[in-house]
Amino acid sequence: MAEPRKKGLISHGIASQNRKARHDYFINETVEAGLVLMGPEVKSLRAGRATLTEAWAGERDGEMWLFNAYIPEWQAGSYMARFEPRRPRKLLLHDRQIATLTGAVTREGATLVPLDIHFNEKGRAKVLLGLAEGKQKHDKRAAIAARDWQRDKARLMRDKG
C-alpha cells in the first residue's frame, strides 16, 4: 500500500517562478544549473515559498552564485538549522558553461536572470537561468500589444468557427 503523500509539498515540478523576467528581458539562451542548498531550504522550496523577482546570478572567484533569491526559513526547523533567507547560493555548472556565461555577461552586457527553481525527476533542485538583454519601455509596450492582438485574434476565430 502506498504511503499517503503530504499535502502541498512539491516532489517534482516548478517550485518558484520569476514571471516578471520574461516581461522585463529578452531571453536569448537558457541553462539549467544545480543548486547547493541546506536541508531546511529544500523543505521551504518544496512548500513553494521561494521568491525570485529580485534575484540574479553572477560569477565570484571562478564560481557561479545565485544572489538575492528569497527562500524563507522553515518554521518547523531546529535552532541549529537556521539560515539567512537571502544568502548567496552556489550554482553547480561545468567550467566551460561558467566561462561561456561570464564571457557573454562581460562582453555583451547581458544579465543572468533566474527564470524558475524546479525539482527534476530525481527530486534535485535546479535553477533555470536565462541569458537576457533588458527591454526598454517601448519594447514592453509592443510585447503587450502583440499579446493582446493574439488573444483578440483567437477570440474572433473561435467565435466565427
N, C-alpha and C. Protein backbone atom coordinates (compact mmCIF):
# COMPACT_ATOMS: atom_id res chain seq x y z
N MET A 1 0.84 -1.18 0.00
CA MET A 1 0.00 0.00 0.00
C MET A 1 0.89 1.25 0.00
N ALA A 2 0.53 2.23 -0.79
CA ALA A 2 1.34 3.44 -0.92
C ALA A 2 1.16 4.34 0.31
N GLU A 3 2.25 5.05 0.61
CA GLU A 3 2.19 5.99 1.74
C GLU A 3 1.36 7.19 1.36
N PRO A 4 0.61 7.77 2.30
CA PRO A 4 -0.12 8.98 1.98
C PRO A 4 0.85 10.14 1.77
N ARG A 5 0.62 10.89 0.70
CA ARG A 5 1.50 11.99 0.36
C ARG A 5 1.17 13.21 1.20
N LYS A 6 2.19 13.95 1.65
CA LYS A 6 1.94 15.16 2.41
C LYS A 6 1.33 16.20 1.50
N LYS A 7 0.29 16.83 1.97
CA LYS A 7 -0.43 17.79 1.15
C LYS A 7 0.38 19.07 0.97
N GLY A 8 0.46 19.55 -0.26
CA GLY A 8 1.08 20.82 -0.55
C GLY A 8 2.58 20.78 -0.82
N LEU A 9 3.25 19.67 -0.65
CA LEU A 9 4.68 19.61 -0.90
C LEU A 9 4.95 19.18 -2.34
N ILE A 10 5.95 19.79 -2.95
CA ILE A 10 6.27 19.55 -4.36
C ILE A 10 7.39 18.52 -4.44
N SER A 11 7.12 17.38 -5.07
CA SER A 11 8.16 16.37 -5.22
C SER A 11 8.93 16.58 -6.52
N HIS A 12 8.25 16.98 -7.58
CA HIS A 12 8.91 17.37 -8.82
C HIS A 12 8.03 18.39 -9.52
N GLY A 13 8.66 19.25 -10.31
CA GLY A 13 7.95 20.33 -10.97
C GLY A 13 8.44 21.68 -10.46
N ILE A 14 7.77 22.74 -10.88
CA ILE A 14 8.21 24.10 -10.57
C ILE A 14 7.88 24.45 -9.13
N ALA A 15 8.90 24.91 -8.40
CA ALA A 15 8.72 25.32 -7.01
C ALA A 15 8.52 26.83 -6.92
N SER A 16 9.21 27.59 -7.77
CA SER A 16 9.10 29.04 -7.78
C SER A 16 9.40 29.54 -9.18
N GLN A 17 8.69 30.57 -9.61
CA GLN A 17 8.85 31.07 -10.97
C GLN A 17 9.01 32.59 -10.94
N ASN A 18 9.86 33.10 -11.81
CA ASN A 18 10.06 34.53 -11.95
C ASN A 18 9.29 35.00 -13.18
N ARG A 19 8.02 35.32 -13.00
CA ARG A 19 7.17 35.70 -14.13
C ARG A 19 7.55 37.05 -14.71
N LYS A 20 8.10 37.92 -13.88
CA LYS A 20 8.45 39.26 -14.32
C LYS A 20 9.65 39.26 -15.26
N ALA A 21 10.45 38.21 -15.23
CA ALA A 21 11.67 38.16 -16.03
C ALA A 21 11.37 38.22 -17.52
N ARG A 22 10.38 37.48 -17.98
CA ARG A 22 10.06 37.46 -19.41
C ARG A 22 9.43 38.77 -19.86
N HIS A 23 8.88 39.54 -18.92
CA HIS A 23 8.33 40.85 -19.25
C HIS A 23 9.44 41.90 -19.33
N ASP A 24 10.44 41.80 -18.46
CA ASP A 24 11.49 42.81 -18.39
C ASP A 24 12.69 42.53 -19.29
N TYR A 25 12.84 41.29 -19.77
CA TYR A 25 14.04 40.92 -20.53
C TYR A 25 13.69 40.12 -21.78
N PHE A 26 14.57 40.23 -22.80
CA PHE A 26 14.57 39.30 -23.92
C PHE A 26 15.46 38.13 -23.49
N ILE A 27 14.92 36.93 -23.46
CA ILE A 27 15.70 35.75 -23.05
C ILE A 27 16.31 35.14 -24.30
N ASN A 28 17.65 35.17 -24.40
CA ASN A 28 18.34 34.66 -25.58
C ASN A 28 18.66 33.18 -25.47
N GLU A 29 19.06 32.75 -24.29
CA GLU A 29 19.52 31.37 -24.11
C GLU A 29 19.19 30.96 -22.67
N THR A 30 18.91 29.68 -22.48
CA THR A 30 18.65 29.19 -21.12
C THR A 30 19.62 28.07 -20.77
N VAL A 31 19.97 28.00 -19.49
CA VAL A 31 20.88 26.99 -18.97
C VAL A 31 20.31 26.48 -17.65
N GLU A 32 20.34 25.16 -17.47
CA GLU A 32 19.89 24.58 -16.20
C GLU A 32 21.10 24.33 -15.32
N ALA A 33 21.02 24.80 -14.07
CA ALA A 33 22.13 24.65 -13.12
C ALA A 33 21.63 23.99 -11.85
N GLY A 34 22.51 23.22 -11.23
CA GLY A 34 22.20 22.66 -9.93
C GLY A 34 22.30 23.74 -8.86
N LEU A 35 21.75 23.49 -7.69
CA LEU A 35 21.69 24.49 -6.64
C LEU A 35 22.12 23.84 -5.33
N VAL A 36 23.08 24.44 -4.64
CA VAL A 36 23.54 23.92 -3.36
C VAL A 36 22.67 24.53 -2.26
N LEU A 37 21.94 23.67 -1.55
CA LEU A 37 21.00 24.13 -0.53
C LEU A 37 21.23 23.38 0.78
N MET A 38 20.76 23.97 1.86
CA MET A 38 20.73 23.30 3.15
C MET A 38 19.38 22.59 3.27
N GLY A 39 19.27 21.65 4.20
CA GLY A 39 18.05 20.87 4.36
C GLY A 39 16.78 21.68 4.54
N PRO A 40 16.75 22.67 5.46
CA PRO A 40 15.53 23.46 5.65
C PRO A 40 15.16 24.28 4.42
N GLU A 41 16.17 24.68 3.62
CA GLU A 41 15.88 25.43 2.40
C GLU A 41 15.13 24.56 1.40
N VAL A 42 15.50 23.29 1.33
CA VAL A 42 14.82 22.36 0.42
C VAL A 42 13.36 22.21 0.86
N LYS A 43 13.14 22.12 2.17
CA LYS A 43 11.77 21.98 2.66
C LYS A 43 10.95 23.23 2.33
N SER A 44 11.53 24.42 2.47
CA SER A 44 10.83 25.65 2.11
C SER A 44 10.50 25.68 0.63
N LEU A 45 11.45 25.22 -0.20
CA LEU A 45 11.21 25.16 -1.64
C LEU A 45 10.09 24.18 -1.97
N ARG A 46 10.10 23.03 -1.33
CA ARG A 46 9.05 22.04 -1.58
C ARG A 46 7.68 22.55 -1.18
N ALA A 47 7.65 23.47 -0.22
CA ALA A 47 6.38 24.09 0.18
C ALA A 47 6.00 25.22 -0.78
N GLY A 48 6.89 25.56 -1.73
CA GLY A 48 6.59 26.58 -2.74
C GLY A 48 6.63 27.99 -2.19
N ARG A 49 7.56 28.28 -1.27
CA ARG A 49 7.56 29.57 -0.61
C ARG A 49 8.68 30.49 -1.08
N ALA A 50 9.42 30.17 -2.11
CA ALA A 50 10.56 30.99 -2.57
C ALA A 50 10.09 32.11 -3.49
N THR A 51 10.90 33.18 -3.56
CA THR A 51 10.62 34.31 -4.44
C THR A 51 11.88 34.64 -5.24
N LEU A 52 11.73 34.81 -6.55
CA LEU A 52 12.87 35.08 -7.43
C LEU A 52 12.81 36.44 -8.12
N THR A 53 11.86 37.29 -7.77
CA THR A 53 11.66 38.52 -8.55
C THR A 53 12.87 39.44 -8.55
N GLU A 54 13.64 39.51 -7.48
CA GLU A 54 14.79 40.41 -7.42
C GLU A 54 16.11 39.66 -7.51
N ALA A 55 16.07 38.38 -7.84
CA ALA A 55 17.28 37.56 -7.84
C ALA A 55 18.06 37.72 -9.15
N TRP A 56 19.35 37.46 -9.07
CA TRP A 56 20.22 37.47 -10.24
C TRP A 56 21.39 36.52 -9.99
N ALA A 57 22.05 36.12 -11.05
CA ALA A 57 23.18 35.21 -10.93
C ALA A 57 24.43 35.91 -11.42
N GLY A 58 25.55 35.57 -10.82
CA GLY A 58 26.81 36.18 -11.21
C GLY A 58 27.99 35.32 -10.82
N GLU A 59 29.17 35.75 -11.29
CA GLU A 59 30.39 35.00 -11.06
C GLU A 59 31.17 35.63 -9.91
N ARG A 60 31.68 34.78 -9.02
CA ARG A 60 32.54 35.23 -7.91
C ARG A 60 33.60 34.16 -7.69
N ASP A 61 34.86 34.56 -7.82
CA ASP A 61 36.00 33.66 -7.62
C ASP A 61 35.95 32.42 -8.51
N GLY A 62 35.53 32.59 -9.75
CA GLY A 62 35.50 31.48 -10.70
C GLY A 62 34.32 30.54 -10.54
N GLU A 63 33.37 30.88 -9.67
CA GLU A 63 32.18 30.06 -9.47
C GLU A 63 30.95 30.91 -9.71
N MET A 64 29.84 30.26 -10.07
CA MET A 64 28.59 30.98 -10.27
C MET A 64 27.77 30.92 -9.00
N TRP A 65 27.11 32.03 -8.67
CA TRP A 65 26.31 32.15 -7.46
C TRP A 65 24.96 32.76 -7.79
N LEU A 66 23.96 32.40 -7.04
CA LEU A 66 22.63 32.98 -7.13
C LEU A 66 22.48 33.97 -5.98
N PHE A 67 22.28 35.24 -6.31
CA PHE A 67 22.21 36.30 -5.31
C PHE A 67 20.76 36.77 -5.13
N ASN A 68 20.44 37.14 -3.92
CA ASN A 68 19.19 37.81 -3.56
C ASN A 68 17.94 36.98 -3.82
N ALA A 69 18.04 35.68 -3.91
CA ALA A 69 16.86 34.83 -4.01
C ALA A 69 16.32 34.63 -2.60
N TYR A 70 15.03 34.83 -2.42
CA TYR A 70 14.44 34.75 -1.09
C TYR A 70 13.83 33.37 -0.87
N ILE A 71 14.45 32.60 0.03
CA ILE A 71 13.91 31.32 0.46
C ILE A 71 13.72 31.44 1.97
N PRO A 72 12.48 31.55 2.43
CA PRO A 72 12.26 31.81 3.85
C PRO A 72 12.66 30.63 4.73
N GLU A 73 12.88 30.92 6.01
CA GLU A 73 13.25 29.87 6.95
C GLU A 73 12.10 28.89 7.11
N TRP A 74 12.47 27.63 7.28
CA TRP A 74 11.49 26.58 7.53
C TRP A 74 11.11 26.67 9.00
N GLN A 75 9.84 26.95 9.28
CA GLN A 75 9.40 27.24 10.64
C GLN A 75 9.53 26.04 11.58
N ALA A 76 9.41 24.85 11.07
CA ALA A 76 9.48 23.66 11.91
C ALA A 76 10.91 23.21 12.16
N GLY A 77 11.88 23.93 11.60
CA GLY A 77 13.28 23.53 11.74
C GLY A 77 13.83 23.80 13.12
N SER A 78 14.95 23.18 13.42
CA SER A 78 15.58 23.37 14.73
C SER A 78 16.37 24.67 14.74
N TYR A 79 16.81 25.05 15.91
CA TYR A 79 17.58 26.29 16.08
C TYR A 79 18.91 26.21 15.32
N MET A 80 19.52 25.05 15.28
CA MET A 80 20.81 24.90 14.63
C MET A 80 20.70 24.95 13.11
N ALA A 81 19.52 24.77 12.57
CA ALA A 81 19.35 24.72 11.12
C ALA A 81 18.90 26.06 10.55
N ARG A 82 19.03 27.15 11.29
CA ARG A 82 18.63 28.46 10.80
C ARG A 82 19.60 28.93 9.72
N PHE A 83 19.10 29.74 8.80
CA PHE A 83 19.93 30.27 7.72
C PHE A 83 19.42 31.64 7.33
N GLU A 84 20.22 32.37 6.62
CA GLU A 84 19.86 33.69 6.12
C GLU A 84 18.98 33.51 4.88
N PRO A 85 17.77 34.09 4.84
CA PRO A 85 16.85 33.86 3.71
C PRO A 85 17.37 34.37 2.36
N ARG A 86 18.19 35.42 2.36
CA ARG A 86 18.69 35.97 1.09
C ARG A 86 20.18 35.72 0.88
N ARG A 87 20.72 34.68 1.48
CA ARG A 87 22.14 34.41 1.35
C ARG A 87 22.49 33.99 -0.08
N PRO A 88 23.74 34.25 -0.53
CA PRO A 88 24.15 33.75 -1.85
C PRO A 88 24.21 32.23 -1.84
N ARG A 89 23.71 31.62 -2.91
CA ARG A 89 23.69 30.16 -3.02
C ARG A 89 24.51 29.75 -4.24
N LYS A 90 25.35 28.76 -4.06
CA LYS A 90 26.25 28.32 -5.12
C LYS A 90 25.48 27.56 -6.19
N LEU A 91 25.82 27.84 -7.45
CA LEU A 91 25.23 27.14 -8.59
C LEU A 91 26.23 26.13 -9.12
N LEU A 92 25.75 24.98 -9.50
CA LEU A 92 26.61 23.91 -10.00
C LEU A 92 26.56 23.88 -11.52
N LEU A 93 27.66 24.30 -12.13
CA LEU A 93 27.79 24.33 -13.58
C LEU A 93 29.17 23.79 -13.96
N HIS A 94 29.30 23.33 -15.20
CA HIS A 94 30.60 22.91 -15.70
C HIS A 94 31.46 24.15 -15.94
N ASP A 95 32.78 23.97 -15.91
CA ASP A 95 33.70 25.09 -16.10
C ASP A 95 33.49 25.77 -17.45
N ARG A 96 33.22 24.98 -18.48
CA ARG A 96 33.01 25.55 -19.81
C ARG A 96 31.74 26.41 -19.84
N GLN A 97 30.68 25.96 -19.15
CA GLN A 97 29.45 26.75 -19.07
C GLN A 97 29.69 28.06 -18.32
N ILE A 98 30.44 27.99 -17.24
CA ILE A 98 30.75 29.20 -16.47
C ILE A 98 31.53 30.19 -17.34
N ALA A 99 32.51 29.69 -18.09
CA ALA A 99 33.31 30.57 -18.96
C ALA A 99 32.44 31.21 -20.04
N THR A 100 31.54 30.43 -20.63
CA THR A 100 30.65 30.96 -21.67
C THR A 100 29.73 32.03 -21.12
N LEU A 101 29.12 31.76 -19.97
CA LEU A 101 28.18 32.71 -19.39
C LEU A 101 28.87 33.98 -18.93
N THR A 102 30.03 33.86 -18.28
CA THR A 102 30.73 35.06 -17.83
C THR A 102 31.22 35.86 -19.02
N GLY A 103 31.64 35.20 -20.09
CA GLY A 103 32.05 35.92 -21.29
C GLY A 103 30.90 36.70 -21.90
N ALA A 104 29.73 36.10 -21.95
CA ALA A 104 28.56 36.79 -22.51
C ALA A 104 28.15 37.97 -21.64
N VAL A 105 28.28 37.83 -20.34
CA VAL A 105 27.90 38.92 -19.44
C VAL A 105 28.87 40.08 -19.56
N THR A 106 30.17 39.80 -19.61
CA THR A 106 31.15 40.88 -19.68
C THR A 106 31.23 41.50 -21.08
N ARG A 107 31.20 40.67 -22.13
CA ARG A 107 31.34 41.16 -23.49
C ARG A 107 30.10 41.86 -24.00
N GLU A 108 28.97 41.21 -23.87
CA GLU A 108 27.74 41.70 -24.50
C GLU A 108 26.87 42.51 -23.55
N GLY A 109 27.22 42.58 -22.27
CA GLY A 109 26.41 43.32 -21.33
C GLY A 109 25.11 42.62 -20.99
N ALA A 110 25.07 41.32 -21.14
CA ALA A 110 23.85 40.56 -20.83
C ALA A 110 23.74 40.38 -19.32
N THR A 111 22.60 39.87 -18.88
CA THR A 111 22.33 39.62 -17.47
C THR A 111 21.92 38.17 -17.31
N LEU A 112 22.32 37.55 -16.21
CA LEU A 112 21.88 36.19 -15.90
C LEU A 112 20.71 36.28 -14.93
N VAL A 113 19.54 35.91 -15.43
CA VAL A 113 18.31 36.03 -14.65
C VAL A 113 17.77 34.63 -14.36
N PRO A 114 17.47 34.32 -13.09
CA PRO A 114 16.83 33.03 -12.81
C PRO A 114 15.37 33.06 -13.24
N LEU A 115 14.97 32.11 -14.07
CA LEU A 115 13.60 32.06 -14.56
C LEU A 115 12.71 31.23 -13.66
N ASP A 116 13.24 30.13 -13.14
CA ASP A 116 12.48 29.34 -12.18
C ASP A 116 13.39 28.42 -11.39
N ILE A 117 12.88 27.95 -10.27
CA ILE A 117 13.51 26.88 -9.50
C ILE A 117 12.56 25.71 -9.56
N HIS A 118 13.08 24.56 -9.96
CA HIS A 118 12.22 23.39 -10.07
C HIS A 118 12.94 22.15 -9.56
N PHE A 119 12.17 21.10 -9.34
CA PHE A 119 12.73 19.82 -8.94
C PHE A 119 12.63 18.89 -10.14
N ASN A 120 13.76 18.24 -10.49
CA ASN A 120 13.75 17.32 -11.63
C ASN A 120 13.15 15.99 -11.23
N GLU A 121 13.21 15.00 -12.13
CA GLU A 121 12.60 13.70 -11.88
C GLU A 121 13.24 12.98 -10.70
N LYS A 122 14.51 13.26 -10.45
CA LYS A 122 15.21 12.63 -9.32
C LYS A 122 14.95 13.36 -8.01
N GLY A 123 14.26 14.50 -8.06
CA GLY A 123 13.96 15.25 -6.85
C GLY A 123 15.04 16.26 -6.47
N ARG A 124 15.96 16.55 -7.39
CA ARG A 124 17.01 17.51 -7.11
C ARG A 124 16.58 18.91 -7.52
N ALA A 125 16.95 19.91 -6.74
CA ALA A 125 16.59 21.30 -7.03
C ALA A 125 17.49 21.83 -8.15
N LYS A 126 16.88 22.42 -9.15
CA LYS A 126 17.59 23.00 -10.29
C LYS A 126 17.09 24.42 -10.51
N VAL A 127 17.97 25.26 -11.07
CA VAL A 127 17.61 26.64 -11.42
C VAL A 127 17.72 26.77 -12.93
N LEU A 128 16.70 27.34 -13.56
CA LEU A 128 16.76 27.63 -14.98
C LEU A 128 17.20 29.08 -15.13
N LEU A 129 18.43 29.28 -15.64
CA LEU A 129 18.98 30.61 -15.82
C LEU A 129 18.78 31.06 -17.25
N GLY A 130 18.43 32.32 -17.42
CA GLY A 130 18.28 32.88 -18.75
C GLY A 130 19.34 33.93 -19.00
N LEU A 131 20.03 33.84 -20.13
CA LEU A 131 20.97 34.87 -20.56
C LEU A 131 20.12 35.93 -21.25
N ALA A 132 19.99 37.09 -20.63
CA ALA A 132 18.96 38.04 -21.03
C ALA A 132 19.53 39.42 -21.36
N GLU A 133 18.78 40.13 -22.21
CA GLU A 133 19.05 41.53 -22.50
C GLU A 133 17.83 42.32 -22.05
N GLY A 134 18.05 43.46 -21.44
CA GLY A 134 16.96 44.25 -20.91
C GLY A 134 16.07 44.85 -21.99
N LYS A 135 14.77 44.88 -21.72
CA LYS A 135 13.81 45.53 -22.62
C LYS A 135 13.66 46.98 -22.21
N GLN A 136 13.43 47.82 -23.20
CA GLN A 136 13.09 49.21 -22.91
C GLN A 136 11.58 49.35 -22.87
N LYS A 137 11.11 50.49 -22.46
CA LYS A 137 9.68 50.68 -22.25
C LYS A 137 8.88 50.44 -23.54
N HIS A 138 9.39 50.89 -24.68
CA HIS A 138 8.64 50.70 -25.94
C HIS A 138 8.62 49.23 -26.34
N ASP A 139 9.66 48.47 -26.00
CA ASP A 139 9.67 47.03 -26.28
C ASP A 139 8.59 46.32 -25.46
N LYS A 140 8.44 46.73 -24.20
CA LYS A 140 7.42 46.13 -23.33
C LYS A 140 6.03 46.43 -23.86
N ARG A 141 5.84 47.68 -24.30
CA ARG A 141 4.52 48.06 -24.84
C ARG A 141 4.20 47.27 -26.10
N ALA A 142 5.18 47.07 -26.96
CA ALA A 142 4.98 46.31 -28.19
C ALA A 142 4.65 44.85 -27.87
N ALA A 143 5.31 44.29 -26.87
CA ALA A 143 5.04 42.90 -26.48
C ALA A 143 3.62 42.76 -25.93
N ILE A 144 3.19 43.73 -25.15
CA ILE A 144 1.82 43.70 -24.59
C ILE A 144 0.80 43.83 -25.72
N ALA A 145 1.05 44.73 -26.68
CA ALA A 145 0.13 44.91 -27.80
C ALA A 145 0.05 43.64 -28.65
N ALA A 146 1.18 43.00 -28.90
CA ALA A 146 1.18 41.76 -29.69
C ALA A 146 0.44 40.65 -28.96
N ARG A 147 0.63 40.54 -27.65
CA ARG A 147 -0.06 39.52 -26.88
C ARG A 147 -1.57 39.77 -26.88
N ASP A 148 -1.99 41.04 -26.73
CA ASP A 148 -3.42 41.37 -26.77
C ASP A 148 -4.02 41.06 -28.13
N TRP A 149 -3.28 41.36 -29.20
CA TRP A 149 -3.77 41.09 -30.54
C TRP A 149 -3.94 39.59 -30.77
N GLN A 150 -2.98 38.79 -30.30
CA GLN A 150 -3.10 37.34 -30.44
C GLN A 150 -4.32 36.81 -29.69
N ARG A 151 -4.58 37.35 -28.52
CA ARG A 151 -5.74 36.94 -27.74
C ARG A 151 -7.04 37.32 -28.45
N ASP A 152 -7.09 38.56 -28.99
CA ASP A 152 -8.29 39.01 -29.71
C ASP A 152 -8.50 38.20 -30.99
N LYS A 153 -7.41 37.91 -31.70
CA LYS A 153 -7.49 37.13 -32.93
C LYS A 153 -8.03 35.72 -32.64
N ALA A 154 -7.53 35.11 -31.57
CA ALA A 154 -8.00 33.77 -31.19
C ALA A 154 -9.49 33.82 -30.82
N ARG A 155 -9.89 34.87 -30.14
CA ARG A 155 -11.30 35.00 -29.75
C ARG A 155 -12.20 35.17 -30.99
N LEU A 156 -11.75 35.97 -31.98
CA LEU A 156 -12.50 36.18 -33.20
C LEU A 156 -12.64 34.88 -34.00
N MET A 157 -11.53 34.15 -34.11
CA MET A 157 -11.54 32.90 -34.85
C MET A 157 -12.45 31.86 -34.17
N ARG A 158 -12.44 31.84 -32.85
CA ARG A 158 -13.26 30.89 -32.11
C ARG A 158 -14.76 31.23 -32.29
N ASP A 159 -15.09 32.52 -32.26
CA ASP A 159 -16.49 32.93 -32.40
C ASP A 159 -17.03 32.72 -33.81
N LYS A 160 -16.16 32.88 -34.83
CA LYS A 160 -16.62 32.71 -36.23
C LYS A 160 -16.80 31.23 -36.58
N GLY A 161 -15.93 30.39 -36.04
CA GLY A 161 -15.93 28.98 -36.43
C GLY A 161 -16.71 28.16 -35.54
